[in-house]
């Protein structure tokens, strides 16, 4: 490991480079960079989303109201489902 403070250990990883640029900038957050980083992270760098298996989607749709009920009961917060 080098003791050179100018060395950038994550320079070969685009995601970390983009994050470093976003954090190093002066002034307001650059929303385009933040959006690109979020999309790249969510899609594993492919910028395309895979189709969700219909049975998985239906299963999650059935579990969502149950999770919503638990959140409301545990936290006392109101949720979007009313």
PDB file of N, CA and C in Angstrom:
ATOM      1  N   UNK A   1       0.843  -1.177   0.000  1.00  0.00           N
ATOM      2  CA  UNK A   1       0.000   0.000   0.000  1.00  0.00           C
ATOM      3  C   UNK A   1       0.885   1.236   0.000  1.00  0.00           C
ATOM      4  N   UNK A   2       0.564   2.185  -0.817  1.00  0.00           N
ATOM      5  CA  UNK A   2       1.355   3.398  -0.944  1.00  0.00           C
ATOM      6  C   UNK A   2       0.940   4.417   0.109  1.00  0.00           C
ATOM      7  N   UNK A   3       1.900   5.222   0.524  1.00  0.00           N
ATOM      8  CA  UNK A   3       1.615   6.299   1.469  1.00  0.00           C
ATOM      9  C   UNK A   3       1.419   7.624   0.757  1.00  0.00           C
ATOM     10  N   UNK A   4       1.285   7.594  -0.553  1.00  0.00           N
ATOM     11  CA  UNK A   4       1.099   8.796  -1.341  1.00  0.00           C
ATOM     12  C   UNK A   4      -0.323   9.318  -1.145  1.00  0.00           C
ATOM     13  N   UNK A   5      -0.498  10.518  -0.570  1.00  0.00           N
ATOM     14  CA  UNK A   5      -1.852  11.029  -0.328  1.00  0.00           C
ATOM     15  C   UNK A   5      -2.593  11.395  -1.605  1.00  0.00           C
ATOM     16  N   UNK A   6      -1.865  11.577  -2.732  1.00  0.00           N
ATOM     17  CA  UNK A   6      -2.511  11.927  -3.993  1.00  0.00           C
ATOM     18  C   UNK A   6      -3.044  10.712  -4.740  1.00  0.00           C
ATOM     19  N   UNK A   7      -2.700   9.525  -4.283  1.00  0.00           N
ATOM     20  CA  UNK A   7      -3.144   8.301  -4.942  1.00  0.00           C
ATOM     21  C   UNK A   7      -4.655   8.143  -4.773  1.00  0.00           C
ATOM     22  N   UNK A   8      -5.323   7.725  -5.830  1.00  0.00           N
ATOM     23  CA  UNK A   8      -6.767   7.521  -5.792  1.00  0.00           C
ATOM     24  C   UNK A   8      -7.043   6.028  -5.917  1.00  0.00           C
ATOM     25  N   UNK A   9      -7.291   5.335  -4.808  1.00  0.00           N
ATOM     26  CA  UNK A   9      -7.408   3.879  -4.836  1.00  0.00           C
ATOM     27  C   UNK A   9      -8.604   3.356  -5.624  1.00  0.00           C
ATOM     28  N   UNK A  10      -9.638   4.158  -5.800  1.00  0.00           N
ATOM     29  CA  UNK A  10     -10.833   3.686  -6.498  1.00  0.00           C
ATOM     30  C   UNK A  10     -10.962   4.281  -7.895  1.00  0.00           C
ATOM     31  N   UNK A  11      -9.870   4.783  -8.451  1.00  0.00           N
ATOM     32  CA  UNK A  11      -9.939   5.451  -9.748  1.00  0.00           C
ATOM     33  C   UNK A  11     -10.371   4.516 -10.870  1.00  0.00           C
ATOM     34  N   UNK A  12     -10.170   3.206 -10.725  1.00  0.00           N
ATOM     35  CA  UNK A  12     -10.552   2.261 -11.766  1.00  0.00           C
ATOM     36  C   UNK A  12     -11.997   1.809 -11.686  1.00  0.00           C
ATOM     37  N   UNK A  13     -12.725   2.280 -10.687  1.00  0.00           N
ATOM     38  CA  UNK A  13     -14.122   1.884 -10.509  1.00  0.00           C
ATOM     39  C   UNK A  13     -14.992   3.100 -10.807  1.00  0.00           C
ATOM     40  N   UNK A  14     -15.724   3.102 -11.933  1.00  0.00           N
ATOM     41  CA  UNK A  14     -16.489   4.285 -12.334  1.00  0.00           C
ATOM     42  C   UNK A  14     -17.465   4.795 -11.271  1.00  0.00           C
ATOM     43  N   UNK A  15     -18.134   3.904 -10.568  1.00  0.00           N
ATOM     44  CA  UNK A  15     -19.101   4.334  -9.564  1.00  0.00           C
ATOM     45  C   UNK A  15     -18.432   5.200  -8.506  1.00  0.00           C
ATOM     46  N   UNK A  16     -17.282   4.753  -7.999  1.00  0.00           N
ATOM     47  CA  UNK A  16     -16.593   5.518  -6.970  1.00  0.00           C
ATOM     48  C   UNK A  16     -16.056   6.835  -7.530  1.00  0.00           C
ATOM     49  N   UNK A  17     -15.635   6.807  -8.777  1.00  0.00           N
ATOM     50  CA  UNK A  17     -15.179   8.043  -9.405  1.00  0.00           C
ATOM     51  C   UNK A  17     -16.298   9.056  -9.512  1.00  0.00           C
ATOM     52  N   UNK A  18     -17.488   8.601  -9.904  1.00  0.00           N
ATOM     53  CA  UNK A  18     -18.645   9.494  -9.996  1.00  0.00           C
ATOM     54  C   UNK A  18     -19.035  10.032  -8.624  1.00  0.00           C
ATOM     55  N   UNK A  19     -18.999   9.160  -7.614  1.00  0.00           N
ATOM     56  CA  UNK A  19     -19.313   9.609  -6.255  1.00  0.00           C
ATOM     57  C   UNK A  19     -18.300  10.649  -5.786  1.00  0.00           C
ATOM     58  N   UNK A  20     -17.038  10.409  -6.077  1.00  0.00           N
ATOM     59  CA  UNK A  20     -16.002  11.356  -5.670  1.00  0.00           C
ATOM     60  C   UNK A  20     -16.211  12.707  -6.341  1.00  0.00           C
ATOM     61  N   UNK A  21     -16.574  12.708  -7.628  1.00  0.00           N
ATOM     62  CA  UNK A  21     -16.844  13.959  -8.331  1.00  0.00           C
ATOM     63  C   UNK A  21     -18.024  14.688  -7.712  1.00  0.00           C
ATOM     64  N   UNK A  22     -19.077  13.936  -7.377  1.00  0.00           N
ATOM     65  CA  UNK A  22     -20.275  14.554  -6.807  1.00  0.00           C
ATOM     66  C   UNK A  22     -19.980  15.176  -5.447  1.00  0.00           C
ATOM     67  N   UNK A  23     -19.164  14.500  -4.649  1.00  0.00           N
ATOM     68  CA  UNK A  23     -18.872  15.001  -3.305  1.00  0.00           C
ATOM     69  C   UNK A  23     -17.825  16.111  -3.317  1.00  0.00           C
ATOM     70  N   UNK A  24     -16.975  16.152  -4.331  1.00  0.00           N
ATOM     71  CA  UNK A  24     -15.906  17.144  -4.375  1.00  0.00           C
ATOM     72  C   UNK A  24     -16.371  18.474  -4.950  1.00  0.00           C
ATOM     73  N   UNK A  25     -17.491  18.482  -5.636  1.00  0.00           N
ATOM     74  CA  UNK A  25     -17.970  19.698  -6.279  1.00  0.00           C
ATOM     75  C   UNK A  25     -18.371  20.763  -5.283  1.00  0.00           C
ATOM     76  N   UNK A  26     -18.188  21.996  -5.677  1.00  0.00           N
ATOM     77  CA  UNK A  26     -18.601  23.128  -4.854  1.00  0.00           C
ATOM     78  C   UNK A  26     -20.036  23.503  -5.204  1.00  0.00           C
ATOM     79  N   UNK A  27     -20.758  24.015  -4.252  1.00  0.00           N
ATOM     80  CA  UNK A  27     -22.098  24.499  -4.521  1.00  0.00           C
ATOM     81  C   UNK A  27     -23.140  23.408  -4.413  1.00  0.00           C
ATOM     82  N   UNK A  28     -24.270  23.621  -5.094  1.00  0.00           N
ATOM     83  CA  UNK A  28     -25.394  22.685  -4.957  1.00  0.00           C
ATOM     84  C   UNK A  28     -25.086  21.318  -5.564  1.00  0.00           C
ATOM     85  N   UNK A  29     -25.814  20.346  -5.101  1.00  0.00           N
ATOM     86  CA  UNK A  29     -25.664  18.981  -5.597  1.00  0.00           C
ATOM     87  C   UNK A  29     -25.967  18.936  -7.084  1.00  0.00           C
ATOM     88  N   UNK A  30     -25.163  18.203  -7.803  1.00  0.00           N
ATOM     89  CA  UNK A  30     -25.388  18.047  -9.238  1.00  0.00           C
ATOM     90  C   UNK A  30     -26.370  16.898  -9.430  1.00  0.00           C
ATOM     91  N   UNK A  31     -27.619  17.226  -9.675  1.00  0.00           N
ATOM     92  CA  UNK A  31     -28.674  16.216  -9.721  1.00  0.00           C
ATOM     93  C   UNK A  31     -28.496  15.241 -10.871  1.00  0.00           C
ATOM     94  N   UNK A  32     -27.930  15.684 -11.982  1.00  0.00           N
ATOM     95  CA  UNK A  32     -27.698  14.756 -13.094  1.00  0.00           C
ATOM     96  C   UNK A  32     -26.703  13.670 -12.698  1.00  0.00           C
ATOM     97  N   UNK A  33     -25.658  14.062 -11.993  1.00  0.00           N
ATOM     98  CA  UNK A  33     -24.664  13.084 -11.544  1.00  0.00           C
ATOM     99  C   UNK A  33     -25.293  12.141 -10.528  1.00  0.00           C
ATOM    100  N   UNK A  34     -26.069  12.695  -9.595  1.00  0.00           N
ATOM    101  CA  UNK A  34     -26.731  11.860  -8.588  1.00  0.00           C
ATOM    102  C   UNK A  34     -27.678  10.866  -9.250  1.00  0.00           C
ATOM    103  N   UNK A  35     -28.411  11.315 -10.257  1.00  0.00           N
ATOM    104  CA  UNK A  35     -29.342  10.434 -10.973  1.00  0.00           C
ATOM    105  C   UNK A  35     -28.585   9.324 -11.697  1.00  0.00           C
ATOM    106  N   UNK A  36     -27.492   9.673 -12.366  1.00  0.00           N
ATOM    107  CA  UNK A  36     -26.698   8.675 -13.082  1.00  0.00           C
ATOM    108  C   UNK A  36     -26.112   7.644 -12.132  1.00  0.00           C
ATOM    109  N   UNK A  37     -25.629   8.090 -10.978  1.00  0.00           N
ATOM    110  CA  UNK A  37     -25.067   7.167  -9.993  1.00  0.00           C
ATOM    111  C   UNK A  37     -26.156   6.240  -9.468  1.00  0.00           C
ATOM    112  N   UNK A  38     -27.342   6.793  -9.196  1.00  0.00           N
ATOM    113  CA  UNK A  38     -28.445   5.976  -8.691  1.00  0.00           C
ATOM    114  C   UNK A  38     -28.867   4.925  -9.716  1.00  0.00           C
ATOM    115  N   UNK A  39     -28.994   5.318 -10.969  1.00  0.00           N
ATOM    116  CA  UNK A  39     -29.385   4.370 -12.020  1.00  0.00           C
ATOM    117  C   UNK A  39     -28.313   3.305 -12.196  1.00  0.00           C
ATOM    118  N   UNK A  40     -27.059   3.715 -12.214  1.00  0.00           N
ATOM    119  CA  UNK A  40     -25.967   2.756 -12.377  1.00  0.00           C
ATOM    120  C   UNK A  40     -25.933   1.762 -11.228  1.00  0.00           C
ATOM    121  N   UNK A  41     -26.164   2.250 -10.015  1.00  0.00           N
ATOM    122  CA  UNK A  41     -26.167   1.372  -8.848  1.00  0.00           C
ATOM    123  C   UNK A  41     -27.345   0.412  -8.889  1.00  0.00           C
ATOM    124  N   UNK A  42     -28.516   0.923  -9.221  1.00  0.00           N
ATOM    125  CA  UNK A  42     -29.724   0.097  -9.219  1.00  0.00           C
ATOM    126  C   UNK A  42     -29.717  -0.954 -10.317  1.00  0.00           C
ATOM    127  N   UNK A  43     -29.027  -0.682 -11.417  1.00  0.00           N
ATOM    128  CA  UNK A  43     -29.039  -1.611 -12.549  1.00  0.00           C
ATOM    129  C   UNK A  43     -27.711  -2.330 -12.728  1.00  0.00           C
ATOM    130  N   UNK A  44     -26.861  -2.285 -11.717  1.00  0.00           N
ATOM    131  CA  UNK A  44     -25.541  -2.927 -11.778  1.00  0.00           C
ATOM    132  C   UNK A  44     -24.733  -2.464 -12.983  1.00  0.00           C
ATOM    133  N   UNK A  45     -24.865  -1.212 -13.351  1.00  0.00           N
ATOM    134  CA  UNK A  45     -24.079  -0.631 -14.424  1.00  0.00           C
ATOM    135  C   UNK A  45     -24.567  -0.925 -15.826  1.00  0.00           C
ATOM    136  N   UNK A  46     -25.689  -1.623 -15.971  1.00  0.00           N
ATOM    137  CA  UNK A  46     -26.165  -1.970 -17.307  1.00  0.00           C
ATOM    138  C   UNK A  46     -27.115  -0.930 -17.877  1.00  0.00           C
ATOM    139  N   UNK A  47     -27.662  -0.045 -17.038  1.00  0.00           N
ATOM    140  CA  UNK A  47     -28.637   0.978 -17.422  1.00  0.00           C
ATOM    141  C   UNK A  47     -29.908   0.395 -18.024  1.00  0.00           C
ATOM    142  N   UNK A  48     -30.127  -0.877 -17.847  1.00  0.00           N
ATOM    143  CA  UNK A  48     -31.393  -1.488 -18.244  1.00  0.00           C
ATOM    144  C   UNK A  48     -31.894  -2.315 -17.072  1.00  0.00           C
ATOM    145  N   UNK A  49     -33.183  -2.306 -16.890  1.00  0.00           N
ATOM    146  CA  UNK A  49     -33.765  -3.078 -15.803  1.00  0.00           C
ATOM    147  C   UNK A  49     -34.302  -4.392 -16.343  1.00  0.00           C
ATOM    148  N   UNK A  50     -34.019  -5.458 -15.636  1.00  0.00           N
ATOM    149  CA  UNK A  50     -34.528  -6.766 -16.033  1.00  0.00           C
ATOM    150  C   UNK A  50     -36.021  -6.846 -15.722  1.00  0.00           C
ATOM    151  N   UNK A  51     -36.729  -7.625 -16.517  1.00  0.00           N
ATOM    152  CA  UNK A  51     -38.144  -7.842 -16.242  1.00  0.00           C
ATOM    153  C   UNK A  51     -38.287  -8.678 -14.985  1.00  0.00           C
ATOM    154  N   UNK A  52     -39.227  -8.281 -14.157  1.00  0.00           N
ATOM    155  CA  UNK A  52     -39.483  -9.010 -12.920  1.00  0.00           C
ATOM    156  C   UNK A  52     -40.370 -10.200 -13.240  1.00  0.00           C
ATOM    157  N   UNK A  53     -40.044 -11.340 -12.639  1.00  0.00           N
ATOM    158  CA  UNK A  53     -40.860 -12.532 -12.804  1.00  0.00           C
ATOM    159  C   UNK A  53     -42.271 -12.228 -12.308  1.00  0.00           C
ATOM    160  N   UNK A  54     -43.309 -12.483 -13.116  1.00  0.00           N
ATOM    161  CA  UNK A  54     -44.682 -12.157 -12.704  1.00  0.00           C
ATOM    162  C   UNK A  54     -45.088 -12.770 -11.370  1.00  0.00           C
ATOM    163  N   UNK A  55     -44.648 -13.988 -11.082  1.00  0.00           N
ATOM    164  CA  UNK A  55     -45.033 -14.600  -9.809  1.00  0.00           C
ATOM    165  C   UNK A  55     -44.373 -13.870  -8.635  1.00  0.00           C
ATOM    166  N   UNK A  56     -43.159 -13.374  -8.827  1.00  0.00           N
ATOM    167  CA  UNK A  56     -42.505 -12.582  -7.780  1.00  0.00           C
ATOM    168  C   UNK A  56     -43.243 -11.272  -7.560  1.00  0.00           C
ATOM    169  N   UNK A  57     -43.636 -10.631  -8.655  1.00  0.00           N
ATOM    170  CA  UNK A  57     -44.360  -9.364  -8.555  1.00  0.00           C
ATOM    171  C   UNK A  57     -45.672  -9.543  -7.816  1.00  0.00           C
ATOM    172  N   UNK A  58     -46.428 -10.594  -8.161  1.00  0.00           N
ATOM    173  CA  UNK A  58     -47.707 -10.860  -7.501  1.00  0.00           C
ATOM    174  C   UNK A  58     -47.481 -11.156  -6.024  1.00  0.00           C
ATOM    175  N   UNK A  59     -46.454 -11.922  -5.714  1.00  0.00           N
ATOM    176  CA  UNK A  59     -46.152 -12.227  -4.321  1.00  0.00           C
ATOM    177  C   UNK A  59     -45.852 -10.977  -3.511  1.00  0.00           C
ATOM    178  N   UNK A  60     -45.074 -10.070  -4.094  1.00  0.00           N
ATOM    179  CA  UNK A  60     -44.767  -8.820  -3.398  1.00  0.00           C
ATOM    180  C   UNK A  60     -46.004  -7.947  -3.248  1.00  0.00           C
ATOM    181  N   UNK A  61     -46.850  -7.931  -4.274  1.00  0.00           N
ATOM    182  CA  UNK A  61     -48.090  -7.159  -4.174  1.00  0.00           C
ATOM    183  C   UNK A  61     -48.970  -7.679  -3.044  1.00  0.00           C
ATOM    184  N   UNK A  62     -48.952  -8.979  -2.818  1.00  0.00           N
ATOM    185  CA  UNK A  62     -49.757  -9.556  -1.742  1.00  0.00           C
ATOM    186  C   UNK A  62     -49.139  -9.286  -0.372  1.00  0.00           C
ATOM    187  N   UNK A  63     -47.818  -9.181  -0.311  1.00  0.00           N
ATOM    188  CA  UNK A  63     -47.147  -8.929   0.963  1.00  0.00           C
ATOM    189  C   UNK A  63     -47.138  -7.454   1.358  1.00  0.00           C
ATOM    190  N   UNK A  64     -47.269  -6.566   0.401  1.00  0.00           N
ATOM    191  CA  UNK A  64     -47.182  -5.135   0.693  1.00  0.00           C
ATOM    192  C   UNK A  64     -48.215  -4.669   1.721  1.00  0.00           C
ATOM    193  N   UNK A  65     -49.491  -5.066   1.616  1.00  0.00           N
ATOM    194  CA  UNK A  65     -50.450  -4.618   2.635  1.00  0.00           C
ATOM    195  C   UNK A  65     -50.126  -5.146   4.031  1.00  0.00           C
ATOM    196  N   UNK A  66     -49.561  -6.342   4.106  1.00  0.00           N
ATOM    197  CA  UNK A  66     -49.195  -6.911   5.406  1.00  0.00           C
ATOM    198  C   UNK A  66     -48.040  -6.110   6.008  1.00  0.00           C
ATOM    199  N   UNK A  67     -47.044  -5.807   5.194  1.00  0.00           N
ATOM    200  CA  UNK A  67     -45.923  -4.996   5.669  1.00  0.00           C
ATOM    201  C   UNK A  67     -46.406  -3.612   6.086  1.00  0.00           C
ATOM    202  N   UNK A  68     -47.317  -3.051   5.308  1.00  0.00           N
ATOM    203  CA  UNK A  68     -47.889  -1.744   5.620  1.00  0.00           C
ATOM    204  C   UNK A  68     -48.582  -1.770   6.984  1.00  0.00           C
ATOM    205  N   UNK A  69     -49.360  -2.806   7.235  1.00  0.00           N
ATOM    206  CA  UNK A  69     -50.067  -2.941   8.503  1.00  0.00           C
ATOM    207  C   UNK A  69     -49.072  -3.011   9.665  1.00  0.00           C
ATOM    208  N   UNK A  70     -48.000  -3.784   9.494  1.00  0.00           N
ATOM    209  CA  UNK A  70     -47.005  -3.905  10.558  1.00  0.00           C
ATOM    210  C   UNK A  70     -46.305  -2.570  10.823  1.00  0.00           C
ATOM    211  N   UNK A  71     -45.996  -1.832   9.772  1.00  0.00           N
ATOM    212  CA  UNK A  71     -45.358  -0.523   9.945  1.00  0.00           C
ATOM    213  C   UNK A  71     -46.287   0.406  10.714  1.00  0.00           C
ATOM    214  N   UNK A  72     -47.570   0.439  10.329  1.00  0.00           N
ATOM    215  CA  UNK A  72     -48.532   1.299  11.031  1.00  0.00           C
ATOM    216  C   UNK A  72     -48.679   0.894  12.488  1.00  0.00           C
ATOM    217  N   UNK A  73     -48.791  -0.412  12.752  1.00  0.00           N
ATOM    218  CA  UNK A  73     -48.980  -0.877  14.125  1.00  0.00           C
ATOM    219  C   UNK A  73     -47.746  -0.645  14.990  1.00  0.00           C
ATOM    220  N   UNK A  74     -46.580  -0.840  14.435  1.00  0.00           N
ATOM    221  CA  UNK A  74     -45.343  -0.737  15.211  1.00  0.00           C
ATOM    222  C   UNK A  74     -44.941   0.715  15.450  1.00  0.00           C
ATOM    223  N   UNK A  75     -45.088   1.557  14.419  1.00  0.00           N
ATOM    224  CA  UNK A  75     -44.592   2.932  14.517  1.00  0.00           C
ATOM    225  C   UNK A  75     -45.671   3.944  14.846  1.00  0.00           C
ATOM    226  N   UNK A  76     -46.926   3.602  14.561  1.00  0.00           N
ATOM    227  CA  UNK A  76     -48.000   4.569  14.742  1.00  0.00           C
ATOM    228  C   UNK A  76     -48.081   5.580  13.613  1.00  0.00           C
ATOM    229  N   UNK A  77     -47.239   5.406  12.605  1.00  0.00           N
ATOM    230  CA  UNK A  77     -47.242   6.324  11.469  1.00  0.00           C
ATOM    231  C   UNK A  77     -48.386   5.992  10.525  1.00  0.00           C
ATOM    232  N   UNK A  78     -48.899   7.005   9.866  1.00  0.00           N
ATOM    233  CA  UNK A  78     -49.891   6.749   8.831  1.00  0.00           C
ATOM    234  C   UNK A  78     -49.141   6.457   7.537  1.00  0.00           C
ATOM    235  N   UNK A  79     -49.738   5.612   6.722  1.00  0.00           N
ATOM    236  CA  UNK A  79     -49.101   5.237   5.464  1.00  0.00           C
ATOM    237  C   UNK A  79     -50.014   5.593   4.311  1.00  0.00           C
ATOM    238  N   UNK A  80     -49.528   5.389   3.109  1.00  0.00           N
ATOM    239  CA  UNK A  80     -50.280   5.751   1.917  1.00  0.00           C
ATOM    240  C   UNK A  80     -51.545   4.949   1.705  1.00  0.00           C
ATOM    241  N   UNK A  81     -51.647   3.772   2.331  1.00  0.00           N
ATOM    242  CA  UNK A  81     -52.815   2.934   2.071  1.00  0.00           C
ATOM    243  C   UNK A  81     -54.016   3.331   2.906  1.00  0.00           C
ATOM    244  N   UNK A  82     -53.810   4.180   3.878  1.00  0.00           N
ATOM    245  CA  UNK A  82     -54.923   4.662   4.698  1.00  0.00           C
ATOM    246  C   UNK A  82     -55.238   3.705   5.738  1.00  0.00           C
TER     247      UNK A  82
END
